[in-house]
Structure formats: C-alpha cells, structure tokens
C-alpha cells in the first residue's frame, strides 16, 4: 500500500483531507500506526474549516489543520517548527 510513501521516511507531510477513495483522516491514522511516522508532523490541508473538522483532524493525529487558501506565513511557521533539531 502506497509504495513510494512507505519506501521513504519523511519528517513533514501536507495531507489533503478530501481524497478520492480514502480520506486524509484515514491516511493519517494509518501513518500514525507506523513506528517511523509516529513523530512525523502531518498537517491537514483542506477546504473544510468548521470546528468539528478541526476536532476530527486532531483525533486522527494531525499536528495542525490549515484551511485553503493557505496562509503562507502559518505554513512556513509549521514547517520551521517541525524541522529536525540538531545539537550545536
């Protein structure tokens, strides 16, 4: 299932919720079951912005929930926050 995704280990992911066949909530839950994805920063990117949509995203394991059109300063902040930290 998803050979390209499972063949790499990513630190961050932007994931649309409204996908064909599957939805982003299910994809995020599946990723969170993988040991290598437990600490991945998965950000929901969606047109759905009601509070219940945000709650579903948190429950599925998303780190954050961004509504389209994206606010690029917020996206940049999330990317920076989730960057790997290297000791000095």
C-alpha atoms as a PDB file:
ATOM      1  CA  UNK A   1       0.000   0.000   0.000  1.00  0.00           C
ATOM      2  CA  UNK A   2       1.428   3.376  -1.054  1.00  0.00           C
ATOM      3  CA  UNK A   3       4.881   2.025  -2.027  1.00  0.00           C
ATOM      4  CA  UNK A   4       6.541   5.421  -2.568  1.00  0.00           C
ATOM      5  CA  UNK A   5       5.349   6.793   0.751  1.00  0.00           C
ATOM      6  CA  UNK A   6       6.319   3.668   2.640  1.00  0.00           C
ATOM      7  CA  UNK A   7       9.735   3.467   0.969  1.00  0.00           C
ATOM      8  CA  UNK A   8      10.859   6.818   2.389  1.00  0.00           C
ATOM      9  CA  UNK A   9      10.852   8.351   5.838  1.00  0.00           C
ATOM     10  CA  UNK A  10       9.640  11.919   5.849  1.00  0.00           C
ATOM     11  CA  UNK A  11       9.722  14.426   8.703  1.00  0.00           C
ATOM     12  CA  UNK A  12       6.802  16.515   7.482  1.00  0.00           C
ATOM     13  CA  UNK A  13       3.748  15.999   5.333  1.00  0.00           C
ATOM     14  CA  UNK A  14       0.959  18.184   3.971  1.00  0.00           C
ATOM     15  CA  UNK A  15      -2.084  15.972   3.512  1.00  0.00           C
ATOM     16  CA  UNK A  16      -5.366  16.909   1.872  1.00  0.00           C
ATOM     17  CA  UNK A  17      -8.399  15.545   3.686  1.00  0.00           C
ATOM     18  CA  UNK A  18     -10.720  15.304   0.677  1.00  0.00           C
ATOM     19  CA  UNK A  19      -9.037  12.487  -1.247  1.00  0.00           C
ATOM     20  CA  UNK A  20     -10.700  10.095  -3.699  1.00  0.00           C
ATOM     21  CA  UNK A  21     -11.465   6.600  -2.315  1.00  0.00           C
ATOM     22  CA  UNK A  22      -9.744   7.274   1.039  1.00  0.00           C
ATOM     23  CA  UNK A  23      -9.847  10.400   3.098  1.00  0.00           C
ATOM     24  CA  UNK A  24      -6.981  12.193   4.772  1.00  0.00           C
ATOM     25  CA  UNK A  25      -8.233  11.250   8.232  1.00  0.00           C
ATOM     26  CA  UNK A  26      -7.836   7.543   7.415  1.00  0.00           C
ATOM     27  CA  UNK A  27      -4.443   8.094   5.791  1.00  0.00           C
ATOM     28  CA  UNK A  28      -3.214   9.987   8.855  1.00  0.00           C
ATOM     29  CA  UNK A  29      -4.475   7.273  11.219  1.00  0.00           C
ATOM     30  CA  UNK A  30      -2.719   4.623   9.117  1.00  0.00           C
ATOM     31  CA  UNK A  31       0.525   6.608   9.148  1.00  0.00           C
ATOM     32  CA  UNK A  32       0.362   7.053  12.921  1.00  0.00           C
ATOM     33  CA  UNK A  33       0.297   3.248  13.247  1.00  0.00           C
ATOM     34  CA  UNK A  34       3.735   3.079  11.598  1.00  0.00           C
ATOM     35  CA  UNK A  35       6.641   3.401  14.057  1.00  0.00           C
ATOM     36  CA  UNK A  36       8.640   5.554  11.635  1.00  0.00           C
ATOM     37  CA  UNK A  37       5.742   8.037  11.287  1.00  0.00           C
ATOM     38  CA  UNK A  38       4.931   8.441  14.969  1.00  0.00           C
ATOM     39  CA  UNK A  39       6.796  11.758  15.221  1.00  0.00           C
ATOM     40  CA  UNK A  40       6.087  12.985  11.688  1.00  0.00           C
ATOM     41  CA  UNK A  41       4.493  16.444  11.507  1.00  0.00           C
ATOM     42  CA  UNK A  42       1.363  15.753   9.449  1.00  0.00           C
ATOM     43  CA  UNK A  43      -0.599  18.883   8.558  1.00  0.00           C
ATOM     44  CA  UNK A  44      -4.170  18.717   7.253  1.00  0.00           C
ATOM     45  CA  UNK A  45      -4.755  20.949   4.218  1.00  0.00           C
ATOM     46  CA  UNK A  46      -8.421  21.264   3.385  1.00  0.00           C
ATOM     47  CA  UNK A  47     -11.338  23.426   2.383  1.00  0.00           C
ATOM     48  CA  UNK A  48     -13.199  22.206   5.465  1.00  0.00           C
ATOM     49  CA  UNK A  49     -12.696  24.628   8.343  1.00  0.00           C
ATOM     50  CA  UNK A  50     -15.501  24.111  10.850  1.00  0.00           C
ATOM     51  CA  UNK A  51     -14.581  23.344  14.448  1.00  0.00           C
ATOM     52  CA  UNK A  52     -15.789  19.738  14.099  1.00  0.00           C
ATOM     53  CA  UNK A  53     -13.413  19.357  11.096  1.00  0.00           C
ATOM     54  CA  UNK A  54     -10.527  20.582  13.261  1.00  0.00           C
ATOM     55  CA  UNK A  55     -11.529  18.180  16.052  1.00  0.00           C
ATOM     56  CA  UNK A  56     -11.623  15.257  13.605  1.00  0.00           C
ATOM     57  CA  UNK A  57      -8.158  16.230  12.371  1.00  0.00           C
ATOM     58  CA  UNK A  58      -6.757  16.287  15.919  1.00  0.00           C
ATOM     59  CA  UNK A  59      -8.389  12.943  16.691  1.00  0.00           C
ATOM     60  CA  UNK A  60      -6.869  11.415  13.544  1.00  0.00           C
ATOM     61  CA  UNK A  61      -3.372  12.531  14.593  1.00  0.00           C
ATOM     62  CA  UNK A  62      -2.754  15.675  12.550  1.00  0.00           C
ATOM     63  CA  UNK A  63      -0.327  18.175  14.088  1.00  0.00           C
ATOM     64  CA  UNK A  64      -2.209  21.117  12.583  1.00  0.00           C
ATOM     65  CA  UNK A  65      -5.201  21.950  10.386  1.00  0.00           C
ATOM     66  CA  UNK A  66      -4.871  24.559   7.622  1.00  0.00           C
ATOM     67  CA  UNK A  67      -7.800  25.775   5.541  1.00  0.00           C
ATOM     68  CA  UNK A  68      -7.424  26.592   1.841  1.00  0.00           C
ATOM     69  CA  UNK A  69      -6.431  29.056   0.602  1.00  0.00           C
ATOM     70  CA  UNK A  70      -3.373  28.587   2.787  1.00  0.00           C
ATOM     71  CA  UNK A  71      -1.905  31.383   4.833  1.00  0.00           C
ATOM     72  CA  UNK A  72       1.734  31.014   3.797  1.00  0.00           C
ATOM     73  CA  UNK A  73       3.214  32.615   6.946  1.00  0.00           C
ATOM     74  CA  UNK A  74       1.380  29.986   9.037  1.00  0.00           C
ATOM     75  CA  UNK A  75       2.583  27.195   6.725  1.00  0.00           C
ATOM     76  CA  UNK A  76       6.152  28.467   6.942  1.00  0.00           C
ATOM     77  CA  UNK A  77       5.877  28.596  10.742  1.00  0.00           C
ATOM     78  CA  UNK A  78       4.670  24.984  10.889  1.00  0.00           C
ATOM     79  CA  UNK A  79       7.465  23.823   8.590  1.00  0.00           C
ATOM     80  CA  UNK A  80      10.066  25.647  10.665  1.00  0.00           C
ATOM     81  CA  UNK A  81       8.665  24.275  13.937  1.00  0.00           C
ATOM     82  CA  UNK A  82       8.817  20.714  12.654  1.00  0.00           C
ATOM     83  CA  UNK A  83      12.350  20.933  11.246  1.00  0.00           C
ATOM     84  CA  UNK A  84      14.737  18.412  12.803  1.00  0.00           C
ATOM     85  CA  UNK A  85      16.759  19.884  15.649  1.00  0.00           C
ATOM     86  CA  UNK A  86      20.488  19.218  15.566  1.00  0.00           C
ATOM     87  CA  UNK A  87      22.626  19.724  18.667  1.00  0.00           C
ATOM     88  CA  UNK A  88      25.039  22.645  18.450  1.00  0.00           C
END
